[in-house]
Amino acid sequence: MTFDSQRRRVESLESASSLTDAILTFPDGSTRAVTFRNKLGVFCTAAGRCAHAGPGICEGNEQIPHRTEWHEKPLPPDEFDAAVDLLGRAVSIQSDDRFLKLVHETCQQAVELEKERDVSGEMH
């Protein structure tokens, strides 16, 4: 059996499984079938990481966002960090679950904002 036919067999098994929430595709072309026990928890962690790595907040009538003390401190570890990182690295997701697609996009944004923040030399 060639590698290509094995890959197709694995992909068909992954997509046929009722235990799979989604199939993630990564930049190198590899795929991974995943199941999430708490999609809302992953979403909240990703949203928090977006807020932490983002440009900051605007207060009152101020139009220019500024970073607060919370933005400058590192975020404490979270139980969903690994899931956010995994979803954030995936370039696409195959799922019928629209909320999971939103979670994927939020995770991608969190990972991208953190990369940009790291490149700019700020603390992560």
Protein backbone atom coordinates (compact mmCIF):
# COMPACT_ATOMS: atom_id res chain seq x y z
CA MET A 1 0.00 0.00 0.00
CA THR A 2 1.47 3.34 -0.99
CA PHE A 3 1.70 6.32 1.31
CA ASP A 4 -0.86 8.24 -0.74
CA SER A 5 -3.47 5.47 -0.52
CA GLN A 6 -2.85 5.11 3.23
CA ARG A 7 -3.35 8.84 3.66
CA ARG A 8 -6.64 8.70 1.73
CA ARG A 9 -7.83 5.75 3.84
CA VAL A 10 -7.02 7.57 7.08
CA GLU A 11 -8.78 10.71 5.83
CA SER A 12 -11.90 8.73 4.91
CA LEU A 13 -11.94 7.04 8.33
CA GLU A 14 -11.50 10.39 10.08
CA SER A 15 -14.34 12.02 8.19
CA ALA A 16 -16.66 9.03 8.66
CA SER A 17 -16.16 8.86 12.43
CA SER A 18 -19.07 10.08 14.54
CA LEU A 19 -16.60 10.80 17.33
CA THR A 20 -14.87 13.53 15.32
CA ASP A 21 -15.96 17.17 15.65
CA ALA A 22 -13.71 18.38 12.84
CA ILE A 23 -10.76 17.66 10.63
CA LEU A 24 -7.99 20.25 10.75
CA THR A 25 -5.58 20.84 7.88
CA PHE A 26 -2.13 22.30 8.60
CA PRO A 27 0.28 24.29 6.39
CA ASP A 28 2.32 21.19 5.53
CA GLY A 29 -0.81 19.44 4.20
CA SER A 30 -1.18 17.09 7.15
CA THR A 31 -4.59 16.57 8.72
CA ARG A 32 -5.82 15.74 12.19
CA ALA A 33 -9.23 14.63 13.40
CA VAL A 34 -10.20 16.36 16.65
CA THR A 35 -12.95 16.27 19.23
CA PHE A 36 -13.54 19.04 21.76
CA ARG A 37 -15.16 18.49 25.13
CA ASN A 38 -15.62 22.20 25.83
CA LYS A 39 -15.78 24.38 22.70
CA LEU A 40 -16.99 27.36 24.73
CA GLY A 41 -13.96 27.12 27.02
CA VAL A 42 -11.63 27.08 24.00
CA PHE A 43 -13.47 30.08 22.55
CA CYS A 44 -13.23 32.07 25.80
CA THR A 45 -9.51 31.33 26.14
CA ALA A 46 -8.88 32.39 22.53
CA ALA A 47 -10.90 35.59 22.99
CA GLY A 48 -8.95 36.39 26.16
CA ARG A 49 -5.66 35.85 24.37
CA CYS A 50 -6.85 38.13 21.53
CA ALA A 51 -7.71 40.85 24.02
CA HIS A 52 -4.39 40.44 25.84
CA ALA A 53 -2.23 40.54 22.70
CA GLY A 54 -4.30 43.18 20.93
CA PRO A 55 -3.65 46.91 20.76
CA GLY A 56 -5.33 47.74 24.07
CA ILE A 57 -8.46 49.58 25.06
CA CYS A 58 -9.97 52.99 24.45
CA GLU A 59 -11.42 54.79 27.45
CA GLY A 60 -13.97 57.58 27.34
CA ASN A 61 -13.77 59.63 24.14
CA GLU A 62 -10.20 58.57 23.49
CA GLN A 63 -9.67 57.20 19.96
CA ILE A 64 -6.18 55.73 20.41
CA PRO A 65 -6.04 52.39 22.25
CA HIS A 66 -3.56 52.08 25.08
CA ARG A 67 -2.22 49.08 26.89
CA THR A 68 -3.02 48.60 30.56
CA GLU A 69 -1.10 46.88 33.34
CA TRP A 70 -3.03 43.68 32.55
CA HIS A 71 -1.75 43.75 28.96
CA GLU A 72 1.85 44.02 30.14
CA LYS A 73 1.78 40.99 32.45
CA PRO A 74 1.98 37.47 31.00
CA LEU A 75 -1.26 35.53 30.93
CA PRO A 76 -1.47 32.67 33.42
CA PRO A 77 -1.58 29.19 31.87
CA ASP A 78 -5.04 27.94 30.92
CA GLU A 79 -6.31 24.41 30.42
CA PHE A 80 -7.38 25.27 26.86
CA ASP A 81 -4.08 26.81 25.69
CA ALA A 82 -3.05 23.65 23.81
CA ALA A 83 -6.38 23.53 21.96
CA VAL A 84 -6.12 27.23 21.05
CA ASP A 85 -2.59 26.70 19.74
CA LEU A 86 -3.64 23.63 17.73
CA LEU A 87 -6.65 25.36 16.16
CA GLY A 88 -4.64 28.54 15.62
CA ARG A 89 -2.00 26.71 13.58
CA ALA A 90 -4.57 24.96 11.36
CA VAL A 91 -5.11 26.61 7.98
CA SER A 92 -8.57 25.12 7.47
CA ILE A 93 -11.26 23.18 9.27
CA GLN A 94 -13.82 20.72 7.94
CA SER A 95 -16.87 20.68 10.16
CA ASP A 96 -20.62 21.16 9.99
CA ASP A 97 -20.51 22.95 13.35
CA ARG A 98 -20.67 26.71 12.67
CA PHE A 99 -19.68 27.57 16.25
CA LEU A 100 -16.54 25.44 15.91
CA LYS A 101 -15.67 27.36 12.74
CA LEU A 102 -15.97 30.60 14.73
CA VAL A 103 -13.77 29.12 17.46
CA HIS A 104 -11.19 28.21 14.78
CA GLU A 105 -11.15 31.75 13.38
CA THR A 106 -10.81 33.24 16.87
CA CYS A 107 -7.91 30.89 17.65
CA GLN A 108 -6.20 31.85 14.39
CA GLN A 109 -6.56 35.51 15.28
CA ALA A 110 -5.18 34.95 18.80
CA VAL A 111 -2.12 33.12 17.48
CA GLU A 112 -1.54 35.80 14.81
CA LEU A 113 -1.86 38.69 17.29
CA GLU A 114 0.59 36.97 19.65
CA LYS A 115 3.08 36.50 16.79
CA GLU A 116 2.80 40.16 15.84
CA ARG A 117 3.28 41.18 19.46
CA ASP A 118 6.35 38.93 19.79
CA VAL A 119 7.83 40.34 16.57
CA SER A 120 7.36 43.90 17.77
CA GLY A 121 9.50 43.06 20.80
CA GLU A 122 6.85 43.34 23.46
CA MET A 123 6.56 40.90 26.33
CA HIS A 124 4.35 37.86 25.75
